[in-house]
Amino acid sequence: MMIHDITAMVGPHKRRKRVGRGIGSGHGKTAGRGHKGAHSRAGYSYRIGDEGGQMPLFRRLPKRGFSNAQFRAVYNIVNIRALDARFGDGAHINPDTLVQVGLIHNTKVPIKILGHGRTSKKLFVTAAAFSKAAATQITESGGTITVAP
């Protein structure tokens, strides 16, 4: 007998535990919550970092330095090889065409073209930023780059 045979006989669904329905059910009185404490109270939900009345670790530790995370520039990254594979010679590439071919999903995030790969096609690319390698490859193959946000 295999485990898949057992589940087929028993059925696909397990009956739910009905708590707080009298002492005869085995889950009466405290309804499986134990005695006293926050876990036994209605409306209790555990928050990450919550330590009860104790001062949380995050507040006990000293705060030092500066984080640039909230000020960083976030880009949709597209490589030259992806453009070469999906666009023909003389193609005009902008955020809308990149969405159509499935290279990006969100046009609100600026696009940066990187130089990973090779292209010999003449491409007319409009993006927010270009790496030096990507810019030289596009211009050397006869295309143009336009920086637009």
N, C-alpha and C. Protein backbone atom coordinates (compact mmCIF):
# COMPACT_ATOMS: atom_id res chain seq x y z
N MET A 1 0.85 -1.18 0.00
CA MET A 1 0.00 0.00 0.00
C MET A 1 0.89 1.25 0.00
N MET A 2 0.55 2.19 -0.86
CA MET A 2 1.34 3.41 -0.99
C MET A 2 0.56 4.59 -0.40
N ILE A 3 1.26 5.68 -0.17
CA ILE A 3 0.63 6.84 0.46
C ILE A 3 -0.48 7.41 -0.41
N HIS A 4 -0.34 7.34 -1.73
CA HIS A 4 -1.41 7.87 -2.59
C HIS A 4 -2.66 7.00 -2.53
N ASP A 5 -2.51 5.72 -2.21
CA ASP A 5 -3.68 4.85 -2.04
C ASP A 5 -4.43 5.21 -0.76
N ILE A 6 -3.72 5.53 0.28
CA ILE A 6 -4.34 5.89 1.56
C ILE A 6 -5.15 7.16 1.41
N THR A 7 -4.57 8.16 0.79
CA THR A 7 -5.29 9.42 0.66
C THR A 7 -6.51 9.26 -0.23
N ALA A 8 -6.46 8.36 -1.20
CA ALA A 8 -7.63 8.14 -2.06
C ALA A 8 -8.77 7.52 -1.27
N MET A 9 -8.45 6.63 -0.32
CA MET A 9 -9.49 5.99 0.48
C MET A 9 -10.09 6.96 1.50
N VAL A 10 -9.24 7.71 2.14
CA VAL A 10 -9.70 8.62 3.20
C VAL A 10 -10.49 9.77 2.61
N GLY A 11 -10.05 10.29 1.49
CA GLY A 11 -10.72 11.42 0.86
C GLY A 11 -9.79 12.62 0.79
N PRO A 12 -10.12 13.57 -0.03
CA PRO A 12 -9.21 14.68 -0.27
C PRO A 12 -9.18 15.73 0.83
N HIS A 13 -10.23 15.78 1.68
CA HIS A 13 -10.31 16.86 2.65
C HIS A 13 -10.32 16.34 4.08
N LYS A 14 -9.62 17.06 4.96
CA LYS A 14 -9.62 16.73 6.37
C LYS A 14 -10.67 17.61 7.05
N ARG A 15 -11.41 17.03 7.99
CA ARG A 15 -12.43 17.80 8.69
C ARG A 15 -11.75 18.87 9.53
N ARG A 16 -12.37 20.05 9.58
CA ARG A 16 -11.78 21.13 10.36
C ARG A 16 -12.03 20.93 11.84
N LYS A 17 -11.14 21.47 12.66
CA LYS A 17 -11.25 21.35 14.12
C LYS A 17 -12.23 22.41 14.62
N ARG A 18 -13.33 21.96 15.23
CA ARG A 18 -14.32 22.90 15.78
C ARG A 18 -13.98 23.10 17.26
N VAL A 19 -13.35 24.23 17.55
CA VAL A 19 -12.91 24.49 18.92
C VAL A 19 -13.96 25.27 19.69
N GLY A 20 -13.92 25.15 21.02
CA GLY A 20 -14.84 25.89 21.88
C GLY A 20 -16.27 25.40 21.79
N ARG A 21 -16.47 24.10 21.55
CA ARG A 21 -17.82 23.56 21.41
C ARG A 21 -18.13 22.54 22.50
N GLY A 22 -17.66 22.82 23.72
CA GLY A 22 -18.00 21.96 24.85
C GLY A 22 -16.88 21.02 25.23
N ILE A 23 -16.92 20.58 26.48
CA ILE A 23 -15.83 19.76 27.04
C ILE A 23 -15.76 18.39 26.38
N GLY A 24 -16.89 17.87 25.90
CA GLY A 24 -16.90 16.54 25.28
C GLY A 24 -16.16 16.47 23.96
N SER A 25 -15.95 17.62 23.32
CA SER A 25 -15.27 17.63 22.03
C SER A 25 -13.77 17.45 22.17
N GLY A 26 -13.26 17.70 23.38
CA GLY A 26 -11.81 17.63 23.58
C GLY A 26 -11.13 18.95 23.29
N HIS A 27 -11.87 19.90 22.73
CA HIS A 27 -11.33 21.23 22.44
C HIS A 27 -12.24 22.30 23.01
N GLY A 28 -12.80 22.00 24.17
CA GLY A 28 -13.69 22.97 24.82
C GLY A 28 -12.91 23.87 25.74
N LYS A 29 -13.63 24.59 26.63
CA LYS A 29 -13.05 25.49 27.62
C LYS A 29 -12.08 26.48 27.01
N THR A 30 -10.78 26.21 27.01
CA THR A 30 -9.80 27.18 26.50
C THR A 30 -9.63 27.08 24.99
N ALA A 31 -10.26 26.13 24.35
CA ALA A 31 -10.25 25.98 22.90
C ALA A 31 -8.84 25.85 22.33
N GLY A 32 -7.96 25.14 23.03
CA GLY A 32 -6.62 24.88 22.52
C GLY A 32 -5.66 26.04 22.67
N ARG A 33 -6.09 27.12 23.38
CA ARG A 33 -5.23 28.30 23.52
C ARG A 33 -4.44 28.31 24.81
N GLY A 34 -4.64 27.35 25.68
CA GLY A 34 -3.92 27.35 26.95
C GLY A 34 -4.55 28.32 27.93
N HIS A 35 -3.81 28.66 29.01
CA HIS A 35 -4.33 29.55 30.04
C HIS A 35 -3.59 30.87 30.02
N LYS A 36 -4.32 31.95 30.04
CA LYS A 36 -3.81 33.33 30.14
C LYS A 36 -2.78 33.67 29.05
N GLY A 37 -2.25 34.85 29.11
CA GLY A 37 -1.22 35.29 28.18
C GLY A 37 -1.81 35.86 26.89
N ALA A 38 -0.95 36.53 26.13
CA ALA A 38 -1.40 37.21 24.91
C ALA A 38 -1.97 36.23 23.89
N HIS A 39 -1.40 35.02 23.81
CA HIS A 39 -1.85 34.04 22.82
C HIS A 39 -3.29 33.61 23.06
N SER A 40 -3.75 33.70 24.31
CA SER A 40 -5.11 33.26 24.62
C SER A 40 -6.14 34.34 24.36
N ARG A 41 -5.74 35.58 24.14
CA ARG A 41 -6.67 36.70 24.01
C ARG A 41 -7.21 36.80 22.59
N ALA A 42 -8.43 37.28 22.49
CA ALA A 42 -9.03 37.53 21.18
C ALA A 42 -8.32 38.72 20.54
N GLY A 43 -8.12 38.67 19.24
CA GLY A 43 -7.48 39.77 18.53
C GLY A 43 -5.97 39.73 18.55
N TYR A 44 -5.38 38.70 19.17
CA TYR A 44 -3.93 38.63 19.23
C TYR A 44 -3.36 38.26 17.87
N SER A 45 -2.37 38.99 17.43
CA SER A 45 -1.62 38.60 16.24
C SER A 45 -0.16 38.95 16.49
N TYR A 46 0.72 38.04 16.17
CA TYR A 46 2.13 38.20 16.46
C TYR A 46 2.79 39.07 15.41
N ARG A 47 3.52 40.09 15.85
CA ARG A 47 4.26 40.95 14.95
C ARG A 47 5.73 40.57 15.01
N ILE A 48 6.40 40.61 13.88
CA ILE A 48 7.84 40.33 13.85
C ILE A 48 8.56 41.43 14.63
N GLY A 49 9.44 41.02 15.52
CA GLY A 49 10.18 41.98 16.33
C GLY A 49 9.46 42.35 17.62
N ASP A 50 8.25 41.84 17.84
CA ASP A 50 7.49 42.14 19.05
C ASP A 50 8.06 41.32 20.20
N GLU A 51 8.43 41.97 21.29
CA GLU A 51 9.01 41.28 22.42
C GLU A 51 8.20 41.53 23.69
N GLY A 52 6.91 41.78 23.54
CA GLY A 52 6.07 42.04 24.71
C GLY A 52 6.41 43.40 25.28
N GLY A 53 6.60 43.48 26.61
CA GLY A 53 6.93 44.74 27.25
C GLY A 53 8.41 45.08 27.20
N GLN A 54 9.23 44.11 26.80
CA GLN A 54 10.68 44.34 26.74
C GLN A 54 11.00 45.28 25.58
N MET A 55 12.03 46.09 25.77
CA MET A 55 12.47 47.01 24.72
C MET A 55 12.97 46.18 23.53
N PRO A 56 12.41 46.37 22.35
CA PRO A 56 12.80 45.55 21.19
C PRO A 56 14.27 45.71 20.82
N LEU A 57 14.82 44.64 20.26
CA LEU A 57 16.23 44.62 19.90
C LEU A 57 16.59 45.78 18.98
N PHE A 58 15.73 46.08 18.02
CA PHE A 58 16.01 47.14 17.06
C PHE A 58 16.17 48.48 17.76
N ARG A 59 15.42 48.69 18.82
CA ARG A 59 15.52 49.96 19.56
C ARG A 59 16.65 49.95 20.57
N ARG A 60 17.11 48.77 20.98
CA ARG A 60 18.23 48.69 21.92
C ARG A 60 19.57 48.95 21.25
N LEU A 61 19.67 48.62 19.97
CA LEU A 61 20.95 48.76 19.27
C LEU A 61 21.19 50.21 18.85
N PRO A 62 22.44 50.67 18.87
CA PRO A 62 22.71 52.05 18.47
C PRO A 62 22.57 52.21 16.96
N LYS A 63 22.13 53.37 16.56
CA LYS A 63 21.96 53.69 15.14
C LYS A 63 23.16 54.52 14.70
N ARG A 64 23.90 54.03 13.72
CA ARG A 64 25.08 54.74 13.25
C ARG A 64 25.13 54.73 11.73
N GLY A 65 25.74 55.74 11.18
CA GLY A 65 25.99 55.76 9.75
C GLY A 65 24.80 56.23 8.94
N PHE A 66 24.92 56.04 7.65
CA PHE A 66 23.92 56.52 6.70
C PHE A 66 23.69 55.46 5.64
N SER A 67 22.46 55.23 5.28
CA SER A 67 22.14 54.28 4.22
C SER A 67 21.61 55.04 3.01
N ASN A 68 22.14 54.73 1.87
CA ASN A 68 21.74 55.41 0.65
C ASN A 68 20.62 54.64 -0.07
N ALA A 69 20.08 53.62 0.55
CA ALA A 69 19.13 52.73 -0.11
C ALA A 69 17.91 53.46 -0.64
N GLN A 70 17.38 54.41 0.11
CA GLN A 70 16.16 55.08 -0.34
C GLN A 70 16.40 56.10 -1.44
N PHE A 71 17.66 56.43 -1.71
CA PHE A 71 17.98 57.42 -2.73
C PHE A 71 18.59 56.81 -3.99
N ARG A 72 18.71 55.48 -4.04
CA ARG A 72 19.38 54.85 -5.17
C ARG A 72 18.54 54.94 -6.44
N ALA A 73 19.20 54.90 -7.57
CA ALA A 73 18.52 54.91 -8.86
C ALA A 73 18.17 53.48 -9.25
N VAL A 74 16.92 53.23 -9.57
CA VAL A 74 16.46 51.90 -9.94
C VAL A 74 16.13 51.91 -11.43
N TYR A 75 16.68 50.94 -12.17
CA TYR A 75 16.47 50.88 -13.62
C TYR A 75 15.95 49.51 -14.04
N ASN A 76 15.20 49.50 -15.14
CA ASN A 76 14.94 48.26 -15.87
C ASN A 76 16.19 48.02 -16.70
N ILE A 77 16.80 46.86 -16.60
CA ILE A 77 18.04 46.57 -17.30
C ILE A 77 17.74 45.77 -18.57
N VAL A 78 18.27 46.24 -19.70
CA VAL A 78 18.13 45.53 -20.97
C VAL A 78 19.51 45.45 -21.60
N ASN A 79 19.92 44.26 -22.03
CA ASN A 79 21.23 44.07 -22.64
C ASN A 79 21.14 44.17 -24.16
N ILE A 80 22.28 44.48 -24.78
CA ILE A 80 22.37 44.59 -26.24
C ILE A 80 21.97 43.29 -26.92
N ARG A 81 22.39 42.16 -26.37
CA ARG A 81 22.08 40.87 -27.01
C ARG A 81 20.58 40.61 -27.06
N ALA A 82 19.82 41.11 -26.05
CA ALA A 82 18.37 40.95 -26.05
C ALA A 82 17.75 41.81 -27.15
N LEU A 83 18.28 43.01 -27.35
CA LEU A 83 17.79 43.88 -28.43
C LEU A 83 18.10 43.26 -29.79
N ASP A 84 19.32 42.71 -29.92
CA ASP A 84 19.73 42.10 -31.18
C ASP A 84 18.86 40.90 -31.53
N ALA A 85 18.46 40.13 -30.51
CA ALA A 85 17.66 38.92 -30.75
C ALA A 85 16.21 39.25 -31.11
N ARG A 86 15.68 40.34 -30.58
CA ARG A 86 14.24 40.60 -30.74
C ARG A 86 13.89 41.68 -31.76
N PHE A 87 14.86 42.46 -32.21
CA PHE A 87 14.55 43.54 -33.14
C PHE A 87 15.34 43.38 -34.43
N GLY A 88 14.74 43.81 -35.53
CA GLY A 88 15.39 43.74 -36.83
C GLY A 88 16.22 44.98 -37.09
N ASP A 89 16.87 44.99 -38.26
CA ASP A 89 17.71 46.10 -38.66
C ASP A 89 16.86 47.34 -38.89
N GLY A 90 17.28 48.48 -38.34
CA GLY A 90 16.56 49.74 -38.51
C GLY A 90 15.39 49.92 -37.57
N ALA A 91 15.30 49.12 -36.52
CA ALA A 91 14.17 49.21 -35.59
C ALA A 91 14.30 50.42 -34.68
N HIS A 92 13.16 51.03 -34.38
CA HIS A 92 13.09 52.13 -33.43
C HIS A 92 12.66 51.53 -32.09
N ILE A 93 13.53 51.63 -31.08
CA ILE A 93 13.30 50.98 -29.79
C ILE A 93 13.05 52.05 -28.73
N ASN A 94 11.91 51.91 -28.05
CA ASN A 94 11.55 52.79 -26.94
C ASN A 94 10.87 51.94 -25.86
N PRO A 95 10.51 52.53 -24.73
CA PRO A 95 9.89 51.73 -23.66
C PRO A 95 8.65 50.95 -24.10
N ASP A 96 7.82 51.53 -24.96
CA ASP A 96 6.60 50.84 -25.40
C ASP A 96 6.92 49.60 -26.24
N THR A 97 7.91 49.70 -27.12
CA THR A 97 8.27 48.53 -27.94
C THR A 97 8.92 47.45 -27.09
N LEU A 98 9.66 47.86 -26.05
CA LEU A 98 10.27 46.87 -25.15
C LEU A 98 9.21 46.10 -24.36
N VAL A 99 8.11 46.76 -24.02
CA VAL A 99 7.00 46.08 -23.34
C VAL A 99 6.34 45.09 -24.30
N GLN A 100 6.17 45.49 -25.55
CA GLN A 100 5.51 44.64 -26.55
C GLN A 100 6.27 43.34 -26.78
N VAL A 101 7.61 43.40 -26.78
CA VAL A 101 8.40 42.18 -27.00
C VAL A 101 8.68 41.43 -25.70
N GLY A 102 8.26 41.99 -24.55
CA GLY A 102 8.38 41.28 -23.28
C GLY A 102 9.71 41.43 -22.56
N LEU A 103 10.50 42.43 -22.91
CA LEU A 103 11.78 42.63 -22.23
C LEU A 103 11.61 43.35 -20.90
N ILE A 104 10.61 44.22 -20.82
CA ILE A 104 10.29 44.89 -19.55
C ILE A 104 8.79 44.80 -19.33
N HIS A 105 8.36 45.09 -18.10
CA HIS A 105 6.95 45.03 -17.77
C HIS A 105 6.39 46.36 -17.32
N ASN A 106 7.25 47.24 -16.81
CA ASN A 106 6.79 48.49 -16.24
C ASN A 106 7.49 49.66 -16.94
N THR A 107 6.73 50.51 -17.61
CA THR A 107 7.32 51.65 -18.31
C THR A 107 7.57 52.83 -17.39
N LYS A 108 7.07 52.77 -16.15
CA LYS A 108 7.28 53.87 -15.21
C LYS A 108 8.69 53.88 -14.64
N VAL A 109 9.35 52.70 -14.63
CA VAL A 109 10.74 52.62 -14.16
C VAL A 109 11.65 52.94 -15.34
N PRO A 110 12.65 53.82 -15.18
CA PRO A 110 13.53 54.16 -16.30
C PRO A 110 14.34 52.95 -16.78
N ILE A 111 14.75 53.01 -18.05
CA ILE A 111 15.44 51.89 -18.69
C ILE A 111 16.91 52.23 -18.88
N LYS A 112 17.77 51.24 -18.60
CA LYS A 112 19.20 51.39 -18.87
C LYS A 112 19.62 50.27 -19.80
N ILE A 113 20.32 50.63 -20.86
CA ILE A 113 20.81 49.66 -21.84
C ILE A 113 22.26 49.35 -21.50
N LEU A 114 22.54 48.04 -21.33
CA LEU A 114 23.90 47.60 -21.01
C LEU A 114 24.52 46.89 -22.21
N GLY A 115 25.85 46.85 -22.25
CA GLY A 115 26.58 46.36 -23.42
C GLY A 115 26.92 44.89 -23.42
N HIS A 116 26.17 44.05 -22.73
CA HIS A 116 26.45 42.61 -22.71
C HIS A 116 25.93 41.99 -24.00
N GLY A 117 26.81 41.45 -24.80
CA GLY A 117 26.44 40.88 -26.09
C GLY A 117 26.96 41.72 -27.24
N ARG A 118 26.61 41.35 -28.45
CA ARG A 118 27.06 42.05 -29.66
C ARG A 118 25.88 42.32 -30.58
N THR A 119 25.99 43.39 -31.34
CA THR A 119 25.00 43.67 -32.37
C THR A 119 25.67 44.32 -33.56
N SER A 120 25.21 43.97 -34.75
CA SER A 120 25.68 44.62 -35.97
C SER A 120 24.51 45.32 -36.66
N LYS A 121 23.34 45.29 -36.01
CA LYS A 121 22.14 45.90 -36.58
C LYS A 121 22.11 47.39 -36.29
N LYS A 122 21.46 48.10 -37.20
CA LYS A 122 21.30 49.54 -37.05
C LYS A 122 20.05 49.77 -36.19
N LEU A 123 20.25 50.16 -34.93
CA LEU A 123 19.13 50.33 -33.99
C LEU A 123 19.04 51.78 -33.54
N PHE A 124 17.81 52.27 -33.44
CA PHE A 124 17.55 53.62 -32.96
C PHE A 124 16.90 53.48 -31.57
N VAL A 125 17.71 53.68 -30.54
CA VAL A 125 17.28 53.33 -29.18
C VAL A 125 17.05 54.59 -28.35
N THR A 126 15.89 54.63 -27.67
CA THR A 126 15.56 55.70 -26.73
C THR A 126 15.44 55.08 -25.34
N ALA A 127 16.28 55.56 -24.41
CA ALA A 127 16.26 55.04 -23.04
C ALA A 127 16.74 56.13 -22.09
N ALA A 128 16.60 55.86 -20.78
CA ALA A 128 17.01 56.85 -19.77
C ALA A 128 18.51 56.88 -19.59
N ALA A 129 19.19 55.73 -19.78
CA ALA A 129 20.64 55.68 -19.57
C ALA A 129 21.25 54.57 -20.42
N PHE A 130 22.52 54.75 -20.76
CA PHE A 130 23.28 53.78 -21.54
C PHE A 130 24.63 53.58 -20.89
N SER A 131 25.13 52.35 -20.90
CA SER A 131 26.51 52.13 -20.47
C SER A 131 27.41 52.56 -21.62
N LYS A 132 28.68 52.80 -21.33
CA LYS A 132 29.61 53.23 -22.38
C LYS A 132 29.73 52.18 -23.48
N ALA A 133 29.80 50.91 -23.07
CA ALA A 133 29.93 49.82 -24.05
C ALA A 133 28.70 49.75 -24.95
N ALA A 134 27.52 49.90 -24.37
CA ALA A 134 26.29 49.84 -25.17
C ALA A 134 26.22 51.01 -26.13
N ALA A 135 26.55 52.20 -25.65
CA ALA A 135 26.50 53.40 -26.49
C ALA A 135 27.45 53.27 -27.67
N THR A 136 28.68 52.79 -27.44
CA THR A 136 29.64 52.66 -28.54
C THR A 136 29.20 51.60 -29.54
N GLN A 137 28.66 50.47 -29.06
CA GLN A 137 28.20 49.41 -29.96
C GLN A 137 27.08 49.88 -30.87
N ILE A 138 26.12 50.60 -30.28
CA ILE A 138 24.96 51.06 -31.07
C ILE A 138 25.41 52.08 -32.11
N THR A 139 26.24 53.04 -31.70
CA THR A 139 26.69 54.07 -32.64
C THR A 139 27.64 53.53 -33.70
N GLU A 140 28.51 52.55 -33.35
CA GLU A 140 29.43 51.97 -34.33
C GLU A 140 28.71 51.14 -35.38
N SER A 141 27.56 50.57 -35.01
CA SER A 141 26.82 49.78 -35.98
C SER A 141 25.88 50.66 -36.83
N GLY A 142 25.97 51.99 -36.65
CA GLY A 142 25.18 52.91 -37.48
C GLY A 142 23.90 53.39 -36.85
N GLY A 143 23.60 52.97 -35.65
CA GLY A 143 22.37 53.38 -34.97
C GLY A 143 22.57 54.66 -34.19
N THR A 144 21.51 55.09 -33.53
CA THR A 144 21.58 56.30 -32.70
C THR A 144 21.03 56.00 -31.31
N ILE A 145 21.54 56.76 -30.35
CA ILE A 145 21.02 56.66 -28.98
C ILE A 145 20.40 57.99 -28.60
N THR A 146 19.27 57.92 -27.92
CA THR A 146 18.59 59.13 -27.43
C THR A 146 18.32 58.94 -25.94
N VAL A 147 18.83 59.87 -25.15
CA VAL A 147 18.62 59.81 -23.70
C VAL A 147 17.35 60.58 -23.37
N ALA A 148 16.36 59.85 -22.88
CA ALA A 148 15.09 60.47 -22.50
C ALA A 148 14.57 59.76 -21.26
N PRO A 149 14.05 60.48 -20.29
CA PRO A 149 13.59 59.82 -19.05
C PRO A 149 12.37 58.99 -19.21
